[in-house]
Protein backbone atom coordinates (compact mmCIF):
# COMPACT_ATOMS: atom_id res chain seq x y z
CA MET A 1 -71.39 -44.44 -73.01
CA SER A 2 -69.89 -40.97 -73.13
CA ASP A 3 -68.96 -39.31 -69.86
CA PRO A 4 -69.39 -35.52 -70.33
CA SER A 5 -67.10 -34.71 -67.41
CA ARG A 6 -64.36 -37.02 -68.67
CA ASP A 7 -64.72 -35.67 -72.22
CA ALA A 8 -64.50 -32.10 -70.92
CA ALA A 9 -61.35 -32.96 -68.99
CA ARG A 10 -59.74 -34.61 -72.04
CA ASP A 11 -60.64 -31.60 -74.21
CA TRP A 12 -59.27 -29.07 -71.70
CA TRP A 13 -55.98 -29.08 -73.64
CA ARG A 14 -56.71 -30.12 -77.23
CA THR A 15 -53.72 -30.62 -79.49
CA GLU A 16 -52.92 -31.85 -82.97
CA ILE A 17 -49.19 -31.81 -82.21
CA ILE A 18 -48.47 -34.84 -80.04
CA ASP A 19 -50.18 -38.05 -79.02
CA ILE A 20 -48.77 -40.04 -76.12
CA ALA A 21 -49.73 -43.32 -74.52
CA PRO A 22 -47.79 -45.77 -72.35
CA GLY A 23 -44.79 -46.78 -74.45
CA ALA A 24 -45.76 -44.61 -77.43
CA ILE A 25 -45.02 -41.03 -78.51
CA ARG A 26 -46.26 -39.74 -81.86
CA VAL A 27 -45.43 -36.26 -83.14
CA ARG A 28 -47.84 -35.12 -85.83
CA GLY A 29 -48.60 -38.81 -86.31
CA TYR A 30 -44.99 -39.97 -86.64
CA PRO A 31 -43.54 -42.33 -84.01
CA ILE A 32 -40.77 -40.44 -82.26
CA GLU A 33 -38.39 -43.35 -82.70
CA GLN A 34 -38.74 -42.98 -86.47
CA LEU A 35 -37.95 -39.27 -86.31
CA ILE A 36 -34.90 -39.67 -84.07
CA GLY A 37 -31.83 -39.90 -86.26
CA ALA A 38 -33.87 -39.41 -89.43
CA VAL A 39 -34.80 -35.72 -89.36
CA SER A 40 -32.74 -32.62 -88.58
CA PHE A 41 -33.61 -30.07 -85.94
CA PRO A 42 -34.84 -27.53 -88.56
CA GLN A 43 -37.04 -30.27 -90.04
CA MET A 44 -38.41 -31.02 -86.57
CA ILE A 45 -39.16 -27.35 -85.97
CA TRP A 46 -41.04 -27.24 -89.27
CA LEU A 47 -42.98 -30.41 -88.45
CA MET A 48 -43.98 -29.10 -85.05
CA LEU A 49 -45.13 -25.74 -86.40
CA ARG A 50 -46.57 -26.73 -89.77
CA GLY A 51 -47.75 -30.31 -89.35
CA GLU A 52 -45.78 -31.78 -92.24
CA LEU A 53 -42.11 -32.37 -92.95
CA PRO A 54 -40.42 -29.81 -95.23
CA SER A 55 -38.49 -30.57 -98.35
CA ASP A 56 -34.74 -30.78 -97.95
CA ALA A 57 -34.36 -27.38 -99.65
CA GLN A 58 -36.89 -25.77 -97.32
CA ALA A 59 -35.22 -27.27 -94.25
CA ASP A 60 -31.80 -26.15 -95.44
CA LEU A 61 -33.01 -22.58 -95.92
CA LEU A 62 -34.68 -22.51 -92.52
CA GLY A 63 -31.53 -23.90 -90.94
CA ALA A 64 -29.40 -21.25 -92.62
CA ALA A 65 -31.52 -18.44 -91.15
CA LEU A 66 -31.35 -20.03 -87.70
CA VAL A 67 -27.56 -20.30 -87.95
CA ALA A 68 -27.26 -16.67 -89.05
CA GLY A 69 -28.98 -15.26 -85.97
CA VAL A 70 -27.37 -17.20 -83.15
CA ASP A 71 -25.17 -14.46 -81.72
CA HIS A 72 -23.89 -10.92 -82.04
CA GLY A 73 -21.57 -10.59 -79.09
CA PRO A 74 -21.82 -9.75 -75.39
CA GLN A 75 -22.72 -6.13 -76.14
CA ALA A 76 -26.14 -7.34 -77.31
CA PRO A 77 -28.54 -6.76 -74.38
CA SER A 78 -29.88 -10.31 -74.24
CA ILE A 79 -26.39 -11.82 -74.24
CA ALA A 80 -25.12 -9.34 -71.64
CA ILE A 81 -28.08 -10.13 -69.41
CA ALA A 82 -27.37 -13.86 -69.64
CA ARG A 83 -23.77 -13.32 -68.63
CA MET A 84 -24.64 -10.98 -65.77
CA ALA A 85 -27.26 -13.43 -64.52
CA MET A 86 -24.72 -16.23 -64.36
CA THR A 87 -22.51 -14.14 -62.07
CA CYS A 88 -25.44 -13.76 -59.66
CA GLY A 89 -25.41 -17.42 -58.74
CA VAL A 90 -28.52 -18.52 -60.64
CA GLY A 91 -28.88 -21.62 -62.80
CA ILE A 92 -28.31 -21.68 -66.53
CA ASN A 93 -32.07 -21.93 -67.13
CA ASN A 94 -32.59 -18.73 -65.12
CA ALA A 95 -29.94 -16.94 -67.15
CA MET A 96 -31.53 -18.07 -70.41
CA ALA A 97 -34.99 -17.06 -69.27
CA SER A 98 -33.75 -13.64 -68.16
CA ALA A 99 -32.13 -13.12 -71.55
CA THR A 100 -35.01 -14.28 -73.72
CA ASN A 101 -37.44 -12.16 -71.72
CA VAL A 102 -35.88 -8.98 -73.14
CA LEU A 103 -36.29 -10.10 -76.76
CA GLY A 104 -39.24 -7.80 -77.40
CA ASP A 105 -40.31 -5.18 -79.91
CA VAL A 106 -37.04 -3.23 -79.80
CA HIS A 107 -34.45 -5.97 -79.25
CA GLY A 108 -35.51 -9.09 -81.14
CA GLY A 109 -38.77 -8.00 -82.72
CA ALA A 110 -37.54 -6.28 -85.88
CA GLY A 111 -37.74 -9.48 -87.91
CA GLU A 112 -41.42 -9.92 -87.15
CA GLN A 113 -42.02 -6.25 -87.99
CA ALA A 114 -40.11 -6.58 -91.27
CA MET A 115 -42.24 -9.58 -92.17
CA GLU A 116 -45.35 -7.52 -91.51
CA LEU A 117 -44.03 -4.79 -93.82
CA TYR A 118 -43.19 -7.33 -96.52
CA ALA A 119 -46.67 -8.84 -96.20
CA ALA A 120 -48.26 -5.39 -96.57
CA ILE A 121 -46.22 -4.79 -99.73
CA ALA A 122 -47.27 -8.18 -101.13
CA THR A 123 -50.92 -7.42 -100.39
CA THR A 124 -50.64 -4.07 -102.16
CA MET A 125 -49.08 -5.81 -105.16
CA ASP A 126 -51.88 -8.38 -105.18
CA ALA A 127 -54.30 -5.46 -105.48
CA GLY A 128 -52.56 -4.43 -108.72
CA ALA A 129 -49.71 -2.14 -107.69
CA LEU A 130 -46.26 -2.44 -109.20
CA LEU A 131 -43.45 -3.44 -106.83
CA ALA A 132 -41.86 0.02 -106.59
CA ASP A 133 -45.22 1.71 -106.01
CA ALA A 134 -46.25 -0.89 -103.42
CA VAL A 135 -42.97 -0.38 -101.57
CA ARG A 136 -43.36 3.40 -101.46
CA GLU A 137 -47.00 3.25 -100.34
CA SER A 138 -46.33 0.60 -97.70
CA ILE A 139 -43.31 2.40 -96.25
CA ASP A 140 -45.33 5.62 -96.04
CA ARG A 141 -48.14 3.82 -94.23
CA PHE A 142 -45.73 2.01 -91.92
CA GLN A 143 -43.95 5.22 -90.95
CA ALA A 144 -47.25 7.03 -90.40
CA GLU A 145 -48.33 4.29 -87.99
CA HIS A 146 -45.04 3.36 -86.33
CA GLY A 147 -42.58 6.21 -86.82
CA LYS A 148 -39.53 6.80 -88.98
CA PHE A 149 -37.61 3.61 -88.18
CA ILE A 150 -37.97 0.84 -90.76
CA PRO A 151 -37.19 -2.54 -89.15
CA GLY A 152 -34.70 -4.83 -90.80
CA PHE A 153 -32.50 -2.18 -92.42
CA GLY A 154 -29.40 -0.37 -91.22
CA HIS A 155 -26.93 -1.50 -88.59
CA ARG A 156 -25.15 0.51 -85.91
CA PHE A 157 -21.98 -1.58 -86.33
CA HIS A 158 -21.90 -3.07 -89.84
CA PRO A 159 -21.89 -0.83 -92.95
CA VAL A 160 -22.93 -4.04 -94.72
CA ASP A 161 -24.29 -6.81 -92.51
CA PRO A 162 -22.41 -9.90 -93.78
CA ARG A 163 -25.35 -12.14 -92.95
CA GLY A 164 -27.75 -10.40 -95.32
CA PRO A 165 -26.09 -11.03 -98.70
CA ARG A 166 -25.40 -14.65 -97.80
CA LEU A 167 -29.00 -15.37 -96.83
CA LEU A 168 -30.30 -13.62 -99.93
CA ALA A 169 -27.94 -15.64 -102.11
CA LEU A 170 -29.34 -18.83 -100.58
CA VAL A 171 -32.89 -17.61 -101.20
CA ASP A 172 -31.98 -16.86 -104.83
CA ALA A 173 -30.60 -20.39 -105.24
CA ALA A 174 -33.71 -21.90 -103.63
CA ALA A 175 -35.92 -19.82 -105.93
CA GLN A 176 -34.02 -21.01 -109.00
CA ALA A 177 -34.55 -24.57 -107.78
CA GLY A 178 -38.27 -23.94 -107.30
CA ALA A 179 -38.22 -24.39 -103.52
CA VAL A 180 -39.45 -20.83 -102.88
CA SER A 181 -40.94 -18.10 -105.06
CA GLY A 182 -38.29 -15.42 -104.63
CA ARG A 183 -41.04 -12.83 -104.22
CA TYR A 184 -40.00 -11.67 -100.78
CA ALA A 185 -36.35 -11.45 -101.74
CA ALA A 186 -37.41 -9.01 -104.46
CA ILE A 187 -39.54 -7.10 -101.96
CA GLY A 188 -36.71 -6.89 -99.44
CA ARG A 189 -34.27 -5.63 -102.05
CA ALA A 190 -36.81 -3.08 -103.26
CA VAL A 191 -37.27 -1.76 -99.71
CA GLU A 192 -33.49 -1.46 -99.36
CA ALA A 193 -33.29 0.48 -102.64
CA GLU A 194 -36.18 2.77 -101.69
CA LEU A 195 -34.63 3.59 -98.33
CA GLU A 196 -31.36 4.44 -100.04
CA ARG A 197 -33.24 6.69 -102.47
CA ARG A 198 -34.95 8.49 -99.59
CA THR A 199 -31.98 8.86 -97.27
CA GLY A 200 -29.13 9.15 -99.74
CA LYS A 201 -27.18 6.45 -97.90
CA HIS A 202 -27.06 2.67 -97.98
CA LEU A 203 -29.03 1.07 -95.15
CA THR A 204 -27.89 -2.53 -95.22
CA MET A 205 -30.49 -5.27 -94.98
CA ASN A 206 -29.51 -6.61 -91.58
CA ILE A 207 -30.08 -10.01 -90.00
CA ASP A 208 -33.65 -9.09 -89.13
CA GLY A 209 -34.51 -8.00 -92.65
CA SER A 210 -32.79 -10.92 -94.37
CA ALA A 211 -34.10 -13.56 -91.97
CA ALA A 212 -37.54 -12.03 -92.48
CA VAL A 213 -37.12 -12.64 -96.21
CA VAL A 214 -36.29 -16.30 -95.53
CA PHE A 215 -39.16 -16.86 -93.10
CA ALA A 216 -41.65 -15.10 -95.41
CA GLU A 217 -40.43 -17.11 -98.41
CA LEU A 218 -41.00 -20.28 -96.38
CA GLY A 219 -44.55 -19.24 -95.51
CA PHE A 220 -44.21 -18.58 -91.79
CA ALA A 221 -46.52 -16.06 -90.13
CA PRO A 222 -44.82 -12.88 -88.84
CA LYS A 223 -45.36 -13.79 -85.18
CA LEU A 224 -43.63 -17.10 -85.80
CA GLY A 225 -40.77 -15.11 -87.29
CA ARG A 226 -40.09 -13.65 -83.87
CA GLY A 227 -40.32 -17.05 -82.23
CA LEU A 228 -37.90 -18.54 -84.74
CA PHE A 229 -35.43 -15.73 -84.10
CA ILE A 230 -35.66 -16.37 -80.36
CA LEU A 231 -34.95 -20.06 -80.97
CA SER A 232 -31.87 -19.04 -82.94
CA ARG A 233 -30.58 -16.45 -80.46
CA SER A 234 -31.15 -18.86 -77.57
CA VAL A 235 -28.16 -20.83 -78.84
CA GLY A 236 -25.91 -17.80 -78.37
CA ILE A 237 -27.49 -17.07 -75.02
CA LEU A 238 -26.77 -20.61 -73.86
CA ALA A 239 -23.17 -20.49 -75.10
CA HIS A 240 -22.43 -17.17 -73.40
CA ALA A 241 -24.11 -18.21 -70.16
CA TRP A 242 -22.03 -21.38 -70.08
CA GLU A 243 -18.82 -19.53 -70.94
CA GLN A 244 -19.44 -17.01 -68.18
CA SER A 245 -20.05 -19.81 -65.69
CA GLN A 246 -16.62 -21.21 -66.58
CA GLN A 247 -14.93 -17.81 -66.28
CA GLY A 248 -16.41 -17.16 -62.85
CA GLY A 249 -17.03 -13.71 -61.44
CA ARG A 250 -19.58 -12.50 -58.91
CA ASN A 251 -22.30 -9.91 -59.33
CA LYS A 252 -20.86 -8.41 -62.49
CA GLY A 253 -22.79 -5.33 -63.56
CA PRO A 254 -23.08 -3.83 -67.03
CA ILE A 255 -19.83 -1.83 -66.65
CA PRO A 256 -16.64 -2.39 -64.61
CA PRO A 257 -16.79 -0.86 -61.10
CA SER A 258 -13.94 1.52 -61.99
CA PHE A 259 -16.39 3.30 -64.32
CA LEU A 260 -19.17 5.04 -62.45
CA TYR A 261 -22.50 6.04 -63.91
CA SER A 262 -23.44 9.70 -64.39
CA TYR A 263 -25.39 11.25 -61.55
CA THR A 264 -27.76 14.00 -62.68
CA GLY A 265 -29.82 14.52 -59.56
CA THR A 266 -29.94 17.17 -56.86
CA ALA A 267 -26.62 18.61 -55.66
CA LYS A 268 -25.27 17.57 -52.27
CA ARG A 269 -27.34 18.87 -49.36
CA ASP A 270 -27.77 18.22 -45.63
CA LEU A 271 -30.84 17.65 -43.54
CA GLY A 272 -29.56 20.08 -40.91
CA GLY A 273 -29.23 19.79 -37.16
CA ASP A 274 -27.04 17.32 -35.35
CA GLU A 275 -28.26 14.46 -37.53
CA GLY A 276 -26.86 16.17 -40.57
CA LYS A 277 -23.40 16.71 -39.07
């Protein structure tokens, strides 16, 4: 006989992801002991998010994008925060949490936004527009809604982001093998060309734009694109936090103490009276 209270308690957290019982763990139906040693970490990510195992080609392409985004040096805000946190005497988990918490719309969110732009272009093409026309219309709409900046293109440090061409080459190879369509690679390249036409300068497809191509080709939703990037960058965050813990240092701020910040407030003044002497 069904117990409504017990059923309600069991259904409080419903999941299709994992089923556990004493001595048994099944992930998406697979016994965990069969997955261990048989599937790669990118395959496991895919299984967890999508419910089925990917093909080898799909897993390889996902893994390549995850490798590409792991790190960009201690000047990146998230990495710098992880390193500073470690000098404050916190645990490595605290440093990683502090770092990942700043991966938002500005730092870490451009890949998701690029995927949204690519999806808008694809939708416009599905309605009958040619690629070049869809790109122009979608960029105009995006800039009207979000401002001039187009996510995924241009880099403050790299004239050509070395990660972009490599990821696109892997997408091209996967498309030739039939693992992906190649549609979003064409869209990404068309956006790059249109931005160059508008600005008169080459705005390289950066890691956000090229990883967005990969994730879109593999059928991930834009919001998952951000989550996947955070998984990737967490590896760099962990490595830098650990390295800083080995180097030591206490309470390191963003700049050495010999360099003071700029003060732009009120000029020196006194309260007056004996207290001000």
